C-alpha atoms as a PDB file:
ATOM      1  CA  UNK A   1       0.247  -0.286  -0.148  1.00  0.00           C
ATOM      2  CA  UNK A   2       1.011   3.707  -0.637  1.00  0.00           C
ATOM      3  CA  UNK A   3       0.569   7.253  -1.078  1.00  0.00           C
ATOM      4  CA  UNK A   4       0.561   8.069  -4.796  1.00  0.00           C
ATOM      5  CA  UNK A   5       0.412  11.765  -6.459  1.00  0.00           C
ATOM      6  CA  UNK A   6      -0.514  11.377 -10.297  1.00  0.00           C
ATOM      7  CA  UNK A   7       0.021  14.275 -12.535  1.00  0.00           C
ATOM      8  CA  UNK A   8      -1.452  16.971  -9.774  1.00  0.00           C
ATOM      9  CA  UNK A   9      -2.014  20.442 -10.620  1.00  0.00           C
ATOM     10  CA  UNK A  10      -2.544  22.864  -7.821  1.00  0.00           C
ATOM     11  CA  UNK A  11      -3.049  26.614  -8.481  1.00  0.00           C
ATOM     12  CA  UNK A  12      -4.340  29.314  -5.673  1.00  0.00           C
ATOM     13  CA  UNK A  13      -5.756  32.176  -8.168  1.00  0.00           C
ATOM     14  CA  UNK A  14      -3.490  32.957 -11.034  1.00  0.00           C
ATOM     15  CA  UNK A  15      -0.168  31.460  -9.523  1.00  0.00           C
ATOM     16  CA  UNK A  16       0.278  27.560 -10.331  1.00  0.00           C
ATOM     17  CA  UNK A  17       2.111  25.879  -7.709  1.00  0.00           C
ATOM     18  CA  UNK A  18       2.141  22.244  -8.689  1.00  0.00           C
ATOM     19  CA  UNK A  19       1.811  21.444 -12.226  1.00  0.00           C
ATOM     20  CA  UNK A  20       1.888  18.127 -13.143  1.00  0.00           C
ATOM     21  CA  UNK A  21       3.593  16.242  -9.803  1.00  0.00           C
ATOM     22  CA  UNK A  22       3.694  12.902  -9.551  1.00  0.00           C
ATOM     23  CA  UNK A  23       4.945  10.720  -6.415  1.00  0.00           C
ATOM     24  CA  UNK A  24       4.592   7.520  -4.784  1.00  0.00           C
ATOM     25  CA  UNK A  25       5.462   6.904  -1.278  1.00  0.00           C
ATOM     26  CA  UNK A  26       6.286   3.241  -0.901  1.00  0.00           C
ATOM     27  CA  UNK A  27       5.481   1.418   2.086  1.00  0.00           C
ATOM     28  CA  UNK A  28       7.585   1.415   5.006  1.00  0.00           C
ATOM     29  CA  UNK A  29      10.069   4.143   3.595  1.00  0.00           C
ATOM     30  CA  UNK A  30      11.153   7.283   4.901  1.00  0.00           C
ATOM     31  CA  UNK A  31      10.678   9.350   1.254  1.00  0.00           C
ATOM     32  CA  UNK A  32      11.964  13.230   1.593  1.00  0.00           C
ATOM     33  CA  UNK A  33      10.328  16.046  -0.836  1.00  0.00           C
ATOM     34  CA  UNK A  34      13.206  19.146  -1.561  1.00  0.00           C
ATOM     35  CA  UNK A  35      12.865  21.963  -2.831  1.00  0.00           C
ATOM     36  CA  UNK A  36      13.347  25.925  -2.634  1.00  0.00           C
ATOM     37  CA  UNK A  37      11.094  28.309  -0.389  1.00  0.00           C
ATOM     38  CA  UNK A  38       7.690  28.793  -2.072  1.00  0.00           C
ATOM     39  CA  UNK A  39       8.083  25.586  -4.382  1.00  0.00           C
ATOM     40  CA  UNK A  40       5.228  23.861  -3.124  1.00  0.00           C
ATOM     41  CA  UNK A  41       6.470  21.327  -0.989  1.00  0.00           C
ATOM     42  CA  UNK A  42       3.661  21.733   1.378  1.00  0.00           C
ATOM     43  CA  UNK A  43       0.905  21.859  -0.695  1.00  0.00           C
ATOM     44  CA  UNK A  44       1.981  18.508  -2.053  1.00  0.00           C
ATOM     45  CA  UNK A  45       1.777  17.133   1.582  1.00  0.00           C
ATOM     46  CA  UNK A  46      -1.371  18.886   2.374  1.00  0.00           C
ATOM     47  CA  UNK A  47      -3.013  17.036  -0.841  1.00  0.00           C
ATOM     48  CA  UNK A  48      -1.692  13.737   0.828  1.00  0.00           C
ATOM     49  CA  UNK A  49      -4.180  14.006   3.744  1.00  0.00           C
ATOM     50  CA  UNK A  50      -6.973  15.360   2.098  1.00  0.00           C
ATOM     51  CA  UNK A  51      -6.099  18.773   2.889  1.00  0.00           C
ATOM     52  CA  UNK A  52      -6.291  20.080  -0.345  1.00  0.00           C
ATOM     53  CA  UNK A  53      -7.835  18.648  -3.424  1.00  0.00           C
ATOM     54  CA  UNK A  54      -6.359  18.710  -6.876  1.00  0.00           C
ATOM     55  CA  UNK A  55      -7.300  21.042  -9.424  1.00  0.00           C
ATOM     56  CA  UNK A  56      -6.314  18.089 -12.348  1.00  0.00           C
ATOM     57  CA  UNK A  57      -4.773  14.627 -11.282  1.00  0.00           C
ATOM     58  CA  UNK A  58      -5.549  12.586  -8.637  1.00  0.00           C
ATOM     59  CA  UNK A  59      -4.160  11.418  -5.012  1.00  0.00           C
ATOM     60  CA  UNK A  60      -4.525   8.106  -3.979  1.00  0.00           C
ATOM     61  CA  UNK A  61      -3.807   6.384  -0.546  1.00  0.00           C
ATOM     62  CA  UNK A  62      -3.766   2.858  -0.079  1.00  0.00           C
ATOM     63  CA  UNK A  63      -5.753   2.504  -2.929  1.00  0.00           C
ATOM     64  CA  UNK A  64      -8.287   5.097  -2.269  1.00  0.00           C
ATOM     65  CA  UNK A  65      -8.927   7.939  -4.305  1.00  0.00           C
ATOM     66  CA  UNK A  66      -9.627  10.632  -2.181  1.00  0.00           C
ATOM     67  CA  UNK A  67     -11.634  12.756  -4.538  1.00  0.00           C
ATOM     68  CA  UNK A  68     -14.345  10.135  -4.459  1.00  0.00           C
ATOM     69  CA  UNK A  69     -14.227   9.339  -0.799  1.00  0.00           C
ATOM     70  CA  UNK A  70     -17.420  10.542   1.613  1.00  0.00           C
ATOM     71  CA  UNK A  71     -16.431  12.816   3.999  1.00  0.00           C
ATOM     72  CA  UNK A  72     -16.753  10.090   6.867  1.00  0.00           C
ATOM     73  CA  UNK A  73     -14.548   7.546   5.122  1.00  0.00           C
ATOM     74  CA  UNK A  74     -12.018  10.738   4.525  1.00  0.00           C
ATOM     75  CA  UNK A  75     -11.893  11.713   8.197  1.00  0.00           C
ATOM     76  CA  UNK A  76     -11.268   7.500   8.883  1.00  0.00           C
ATOM     77  CA  UNK A  77      -8.544   7.703   6.453  1.00  0.00           C
ATOM     78  CA  UNK A  78      -7.175  10.397   8.074  1.00  0.00           C
ATOM     79  CA  UNK A  79      -6.873   8.708  11.628  1.00  0.00           C
ATOM     80  CA  UNK A  80      -4.110   6.729   9.974  1.00  0.00           C
ATOM     81  CA  UNK A  81      -2.252   9.777   9.150  1.00  0.00           C
ATOM     82  CA  UNK A  82       0.047  11.743  11.580  1.00  0.00           C
ATOM     83  CA  UNK A  83       0.573  14.866  10.599  1.00  0.00           C
ATOM     84  CA  UNK A  84       3.364  17.166  12.094  1.00  0.00           C
ATOM     85  CA  UNK A  85       2.792  20.885  11.634  1.00  0.00           C
ATOM     86  CA  UNK A  86       6.139  23.026  10.596  1.00  0.00           C
ATOM     87  CA  UNK A  87       5.935  24.831  14.021  1.00  0.00           C
ATOM     88  CA  UNK A  88       4.141  22.403  16.068  1.00  0.00           C
ATOM     89  CA  UNK A  89       1.073  24.110  16.182  1.00  0.00           C
ATOM     90  CA  UNK A  90       0.375  23.468  19.796  1.00  0.00           C
ATOM     91  CA  UNK A  91      -2.394  25.434  21.763  1.00  0.00           C
ATOM     92  CA  UNK A  92      -1.233  27.729  24.103  1.00  0.00           C
ATOM     93  CA  UNK A  93      -3.504  26.955  26.836  1.00  0.00           C
ATOM     94  CA  UNK A  94      -3.270  23.399  27.087  1.00  0.00           C
ATOM     95  CA  UNK A  95      -0.257  21.294  28.762  1.00  0.00           C
ATOM     96  CA  UNK A  96       1.535  18.873  26.752  1.00  0.00           C
ATOM     97  CA  UNK A  97      -0.658  16.240  28.178  1.00  0.00           C
ATOM     98  CA  UNK A  98      -3.854  17.968  26.792  1.00  0.00           C
ATOM     99  CA  UNK A  99      -2.294  18.764  23.470  1.00  0.00           C
ATOM    100  CA  UNK A 100      -1.029  15.032  22.433  1.00  0.00           C
ATOM    101  CA  UNK A 101      -4.263  13.204  24.115  1.00  0.00           C
ATOM    102  CA  UNK A 102      -6.557  15.953  21.881  1.00  0.00           C
ATOM    103  CA  UNK A 103      -6.529  13.908  18.944  1.00  0.00           C
ATOM    104  CA  UNK A 104      -7.652  10.946  21.084  1.00  0.00           C
ATOM    105  CA  UNK A 105     -10.451  12.755  22.712  1.00  0.00           C
ATOM    106  CA  UNK A 106     -11.725  13.566  19.707  1.00  0.00           C
ATOM    107  CA  UNK A 107     -11.663  10.363  18.083  1.00  0.00           C
ATOM    108  CA  UNK A 108     -13.152   8.339  21.057  1.00  0.00           C
ATOM    109  CA  UNK A 109     -13.316   4.553  21.906  1.00  0.00           C
ATOM    110  CA  UNK A 110     -10.423   5.260  24.877  1.00  0.00           C
ATOM    111  CA  UNK A 111     -11.289   5.967  28.717  1.00  0.00           C
ATOM    112  CA  UNK A 112      -9.461   8.779  30.292  1.00  0.00           C
ATOM    113  CA  UNK A 113      -6.885   6.244  31.901  1.00  0.00           C
ATOM    114  CA  UNK A 114      -6.213   4.548  28.360  1.00  0.00           C
ATOM    115  CA  UNK A 115      -5.846   8.074  27.053  1.00  0.00           C
ATOM    116  CA  UNK A 116      -3.017   9.110  29.929  1.00  0.00           C
ATOM    117  CA  UNK A 117      -1.211   5.752  29.329  1.00  0.00           C
ATOM    118  CA  UNK A 118      -0.766   6.275  25.614  1.00  0.00           C
ATOM    119  CA  UNK A 119       0.045  10.122  26.205  1.00  0.00           C
ATOM    120  CA  UNK A 120       2.788   8.773  28.683  1.00  0.00           C
ATOM    121  CA  UNK A 121       3.658   6.283  26.372  1.00  0.00           C
ATOM    122  CA  UNK A 122       4.101   9.064  23.457  1.00  0.00           C
ATOM    123  CA  UNK A 123       5.764  11.527  25.302  1.00  0.00           C
ATOM    124  CA  UNK A 124       8.299   8.794  26.615  1.00  0.00           C
ATOM    125  CA  UNK A 125       9.027   7.707  22.414  1.00  0.00           C
ATOM    126  CA  UNK A 126      10.163  11.438  21.967  1.00  0.00           C
ATOM    127  CA  UNK A 127      12.168  12.087  25.434  1.00  0.00           C
ATOM    128  CA  UNK A 128      10.143  13.959  27.177  1.00  0.00           C
ATOM    129  CA  UNK A 129       8.601  11.680  29.472  1.00  0.00           C
ATOM    130  CA  UNK A 130       7.723  13.542  33.223  1.00  0.00           C
ATOM    131  CA  UNK A 131       6.914  17.086  31.358  1.00  0.00           C
ATOM    132  CA  UNK A 132       3.641  16.336  30.531  1.00  0.00           C
ATOM    133  CA  UNK A 133       2.478  19.447  33.256  1.00  0.00           C
ATOM    134  CA  UNK A 134       3.956  21.575  31.504  1.00  0.00           C
ATOM    135  CA  UNK A 135       2.664  24.316  28.714  1.00  0.00           C
ATOM    136  CA  UNK A 136       4.117  24.847  25.508  1.00  0.00           C
ATOM    137  CA  UNK A 137       5.326  28.557  26.756  1.00  0.00           C
ATOM    138  CA  UNK A 138       7.809  26.236  28.989  1.00  0.00           C
ATOM    139  CA  UNK A 139       9.162  24.777  26.477  1.00  0.00           C
ATOM    140  CA  UNK A 140      12.304  25.309  24.052  1.00  0.00           C
ATOM    141  CA  UNK A 141      11.642  24.964  20.002  1.00  0.00           C
ATOM    142  CA  UNK A 142      13.028  21.460  19.988  1.00  0.00           C
ATOM    143  CA  UNK A 143      10.577  20.184  22.555  1.00  0.00           C
ATOM    144  CA  UNK A 144       7.994  21.917  20.867  1.00  0.00           C
ATOM    145  CA  UNK A 145       8.639  19.530  17.819  1.00  0.00           C
ATOM    146  CA  UNK A 146       8.893  16.498  19.873  1.00  0.00           C
ATOM    147  CA  UNK A 147       5.818  17.294  21.097  1.00  0.00           C
ATOM    148  CA  UNK A 148       4.404  17.855  18.040  1.00  0.00           C
ATOM    149  CA  UNK A 149       5.507  14.483  16.827  1.00  0.00           C
ATOM    150  CA  UNK A 150       4.299  12.881  19.762  1.00  0.00           C
ATOM    151  CA  UNK A 151       0.879  14.277  19.094  1.00  0.00           C
ATOM    152  CA  UNK A 152       0.777  12.899  15.719  1.00  0.00           C
ATOM    153  CA  UNK A 153       1.578   9.225  16.585  1.00  0.00           C
ATOM    154  CA  UNK A 154      -0.907   9.229  19.149  1.00  0.00           C
ATOM    155  CA  UNK A 155      -3.585   7.463  17.296  1.00  0.00           C
ATOM    156  CA  UNK A 156      -0.715   5.152  15.628  1.00  0.00           C
ATOM    157  CA  UNK A 157      -0.949   6.050  12.499  1.00  0.00           C
ATOM    158  CA  UNK A 158       0.477   3.993   9.573  1.00  0.00           C
ATOM    159  CA  UNK A 159       1.826   7.567   8.018  1.00  0.00           C
ATOM    160  CA  UNK A 160       3.803  10.013   9.382  1.00  0.00           C
ATOM    161  CA  UNK A 161       4.093  13.561   7.082  1.00  0.00           C
ATOM    162  CA  UNK A 162       6.626  15.792   8.446  1.00  0.00           C
ATOM    163  CA  UNK A 163       6.283  19.546   7.205  1.00  0.00           C
ATOM    164  CA  UNK A 164       9.822  21.532   7.688  1.00  0.00           C
ATOM    165  CA  UNK A 165      10.355  19.763  11.148  1.00  0.00           C
ATOM    166  CA  UNK A 166      14.087  20.635  11.414  1.00  0.00           C
ATOM    167  CA  UNK A 167      13.050  24.783  10.217  1.00  0.00           C
ATOM    168  CA  UNK A 168      14.188  27.246  12.820  1.00  0.00           C
ATOM    169  CA  UNK A 169      16.351  25.063  14.776  1.00  0.00           C
ATOM    170  CA  UNK A 170      20.045  25.350  15.732  1.00  0.00           C
ATOM    171  CA  UNK A 171      22.472  22.008  14.731  1.00  0.00           C
ATOM    172  CA  UNK A 172      22.072  20.416  17.641  1.00  0.00           C
ATOM    173  CA  UNK A 173      18.374  20.072  17.853  1.00  0.00           C
ATOM    174  CA  UNK A 174      18.094  19.760  14.302  1.00  0.00           C
ATOM    175  CA  UNK A 175      20.664  16.997  14.810  1.00  0.00           C
ATOM    176  CA  UNK A 176      18.154  15.798  17.416  1.00  0.00           C
ATOM    177  CA  UNK A 177      14.633  15.753  15.378  1.00  0.00           C
ATOM    178  CA  UNK A 178      16.821  14.230  12.820  1.00  0.00           C
ATOM    179  CA  UNK A 179      17.314  11.076  14.690  1.00  0.00           C
ATOM    180  CA  UNK A 180      14.098  11.096  16.235  1.00  0.00           C
ATOM    181  CA  UNK A 181      12.531  10.694  12.281  1.00  0.00           C
ATOM    182  CA  UNK A 182      14.733   7.569  12.092  1.00  0.00           C
ATOM    183  CA  UNK A 183      13.695   6.374  15.408  1.00  0.00           C
ATOM    184  CA  UNK A 184      10.102   6.832  14.323  1.00  0.00           C
ATOM    185  CA  UNK A 185      10.539   4.634  11.438  1.00  0.00           C
ATOM    186  CA  UNK A 186      12.607   1.918  13.073  1.00  0.00           C
ATOM    187  CA  UNK A 187      10.441   1.725  16.668  1.00  0.00           C
ATOM    188  CA  UNK A 188       6.933   2.377  15.174  1.00  0.00           C
ATOM    189  CA  UNK A 189       7.749   0.813  11.508  1.00  0.00           C
ATOM    190  CA  UNK A 190       5.905   3.997  10.094  1.00  0.00           C
ATOM    191  CA  UNK A 191       5.981   5.328   6.304  1.00  0.00           C
ATOM    192  CA  UNK A 192       7.285   8.652   6.374  1.00  0.00           C
ATOM    193  CA  UNK A 193       7.382  11.601   4.269  1.00  0.00           C
ATOM    194  CA  UNK A 194       9.260  14.784   5.372  1.00  0.00           C
ATOM    195  CA  UNK A 195       9.014  18.396   3.616  1.00  0.00           C
ATOM    196  CA  UNK A 196      12.495  20.377   3.558  1.00  0.00           C
ATOM    197  CA  UNK A 197      14.883  22.377   1.945  1.00  0.00           C
ATOM    198  CA  UNK A 198      17.484  21.275   4.121  1.00  0.00           C
ATOM    199  CA  UNK A 199      19.824  18.813   2.237  1.00  0.00           C
ATOM    200  CA  UNK A 200      21.679  17.391   4.930  1.00  0.00           C
ATOM    201  CA  UNK A 201      18.739  15.889   7.086  1.00  0.00           C
ATOM    202  CA  UNK A 202      17.161  15.227   3.803  1.00  0.00           C
ATOM    203  CA  UNK A 203      20.363  12.710   3.150  1.00  0.00           C
ATOM    204  CA  UNK A 204      20.314  11.315   6.463  1.00  0.00           C
ATOM    205  CA  UNK A 205      16.783  10.519   7.092  1.00  0.00           C
ATOM    206  CA  UNK A 206      15.777  10.027   3.597  1.00  0.00           C
ATOM    207  CA  UNK A 207      15.359   6.220   2.014  1.00  0.00           C
ATOM    208  CA  UNK A 208      14.923   8.287  -1.505  1.00  0.00           C
ATOM    209  CA  UNK A 209      14.663  12.049  -1.818  1.00  0.00           C
ATOM    210  CA  UNK A 210      12.407  14.021  -4.634  1.00  0.00           C
ATOM    211  CA  UNK A 211      13.238  17.205  -5.636  1.00  0.00           C
ATOM    212  CA  UNK A 212      10.051  19.424  -6.747  1.00  0.00           C
ATOM    213  CA  UNK A 213      11.179  22.271  -9.037  1.00  0.00           C
ATOM    214  CA  UNK A 214       8.700  24.996 -10.727  1.00  0.00           C
ATOM    215  CA  UNK A 215       5.819  22.612  -9.889  1.00  0.00           C
ATOM    216  CA  UNK A 216       6.922  18.987 -11.083  1.00  0.00           C
ATOM    217  CA  UNK A 217       9.338  16.630 -10.041  1.00  0.00           C
ATOM    218  CA  UNK A 218      13.033  17.409 -11.436  1.00  0.00           C
ATOM    219  CA  UNK A 219      14.427  14.307  -9.282  1.00  0.00           C
ATOM    220  CA  UNK A 220      13.846  11.054  -7.515  1.00  0.00           C
ATOM    221  CA  UNK A 221      16.590   8.416  -6.500  1.00  0.00           C
ATOM    222  CA  UNK A 222      18.667   7.607  -3.159  1.00  0.00           C
ATOM    223  CA  UNK A 223      20.785   9.999  -1.044  1.00  0.00           C
ATOM    224  CA  UNK A 224      24.117   8.703  -3.235  1.00  0.00           C
ATOM    225  CA  UNK A 225      22.088   9.121  -6.285  1.00  0.00           C
ATOM    226  CA  UNK A 226      21.263  13.034  -5.028  1.00  0.00           C
ATOM    227  CA  UNK A 227      24.553  13.685  -4.395  1.00  0.00           C
ATOM    228  CA  UNK A 228      26.023  12.220  -7.589  1.00  0.00           C
ATOM    229  CA  UNK A 229      23.468  14.421  -9.876  1.00  0.00           C
ATOM    230  CA  UNK A 230      24.829  16.172 -13.234  1.00  0.00           C
ATOM    231  CA  UNK A 231      21.186  17.958 -13.687  1.00  0.00           C
ATOM    232  CA  UNK A 232      22.292  21.765 -12.756  1.00  0.00           C
ATOM    233  CA  UNK A 233      19.203  22.399 -11.476  1.00  0.00           C
ATOM    234  CA  UNK A 234      19.500  19.892  -8.656  1.00  0.00           C
ATOM    235  CA  UNK A 235      23.205  20.344  -8.639  1.00  0.00           C
ATOM    236  CA  UNK A 236      22.459  24.097  -8.077  1.00  0.00           C
ATOM    237  CA  UNK A 237      20.410  23.746  -5.371  1.00  0.00           C
ATOM    238  CA  UNK A 238      22.180  20.910  -3.317  1.00  0.00           C
ATOM    239  CA  UNK A 239      25.381  22.848  -3.761  1.00  0.00           C
ATOM    240  CA  UNK A 240      23.893  26.471  -2.735  1.00  0.00           C
ATOM    241  CA  UNK A 241      24.654  27.754  -6.351  1.00  0.00           C
ATOM    242  CA  UNK A 242      21.848  29.531  -7.736  1.00  0.00           C
ATOM    243  CA  UNK A 243      23.581  30.547 -10.856  1.00  0.00           C
ATOM    244  CA  UNK A 244      23.296  26.739 -12.294  1.00  0.00           C
ATOM    245  CA  UNK A 245      19.512  27.081 -12.005  1.00  0.00           C
ATOM    246  CA  UNK A 246      19.557  30.739 -13.712  1.00  0.00           C
ATOM    247  CA  UNK A 247      21.107  28.627 -16.784  1.00  0.00           C
ATOM    248  CA  UNK A 248      18.222  26.747 -17.025  1.00  0.00           C
ATOM    249  CA  UNK A 249      15.405  29.870 -17.233  1.00  0.00           C
END
């Protein structure tokens, strides 16, 4: 089973963001989508969970076409997808325990005792055990990111979608988040999609890497294949040489 974007187009007014973007996320892998800021990476990610609907093309999750799903079935499908927001998107008025457990309460089916146990387990997975009574304002940026991951795994999803998980973090904290992404795959067995513009992080956590450029997929391959590319656009991006990219315009 997998996530498939098939020839997806998306525009906001006159601005075309995705222009025939195709991608398949294989079961069990961590796939990284690289691209410049504003290239449409987050827009592509939101299509995978049905937050956006394609203007043209189709999105499939585990063999189900999102466009055709009734609302209830779409909500059910989303329960199997954990979403880690770029800036954690925590509620400041709620403790970590409340933030992590809110999705479980919305889904229903678990007692408060079961929710408390699940929340405790999730905070321990991201090395925040014992901090459940704190509020987001009492946390560092890295701790807030980890809380966002704990919330995303609380419903025991099959997929984890990370939107710029290392943005705004110092190098040491960024390394902690990268290692945590690797742990999610190894310990929980989740299939991951990571959106980033950080080449070093992409090569560390990704089994495969795709590059989104001008609304289309420019590259797809392993980290080693990315480093060996001769494509001037891809090479210009990973080496920080914009003059190579400008030559193709």
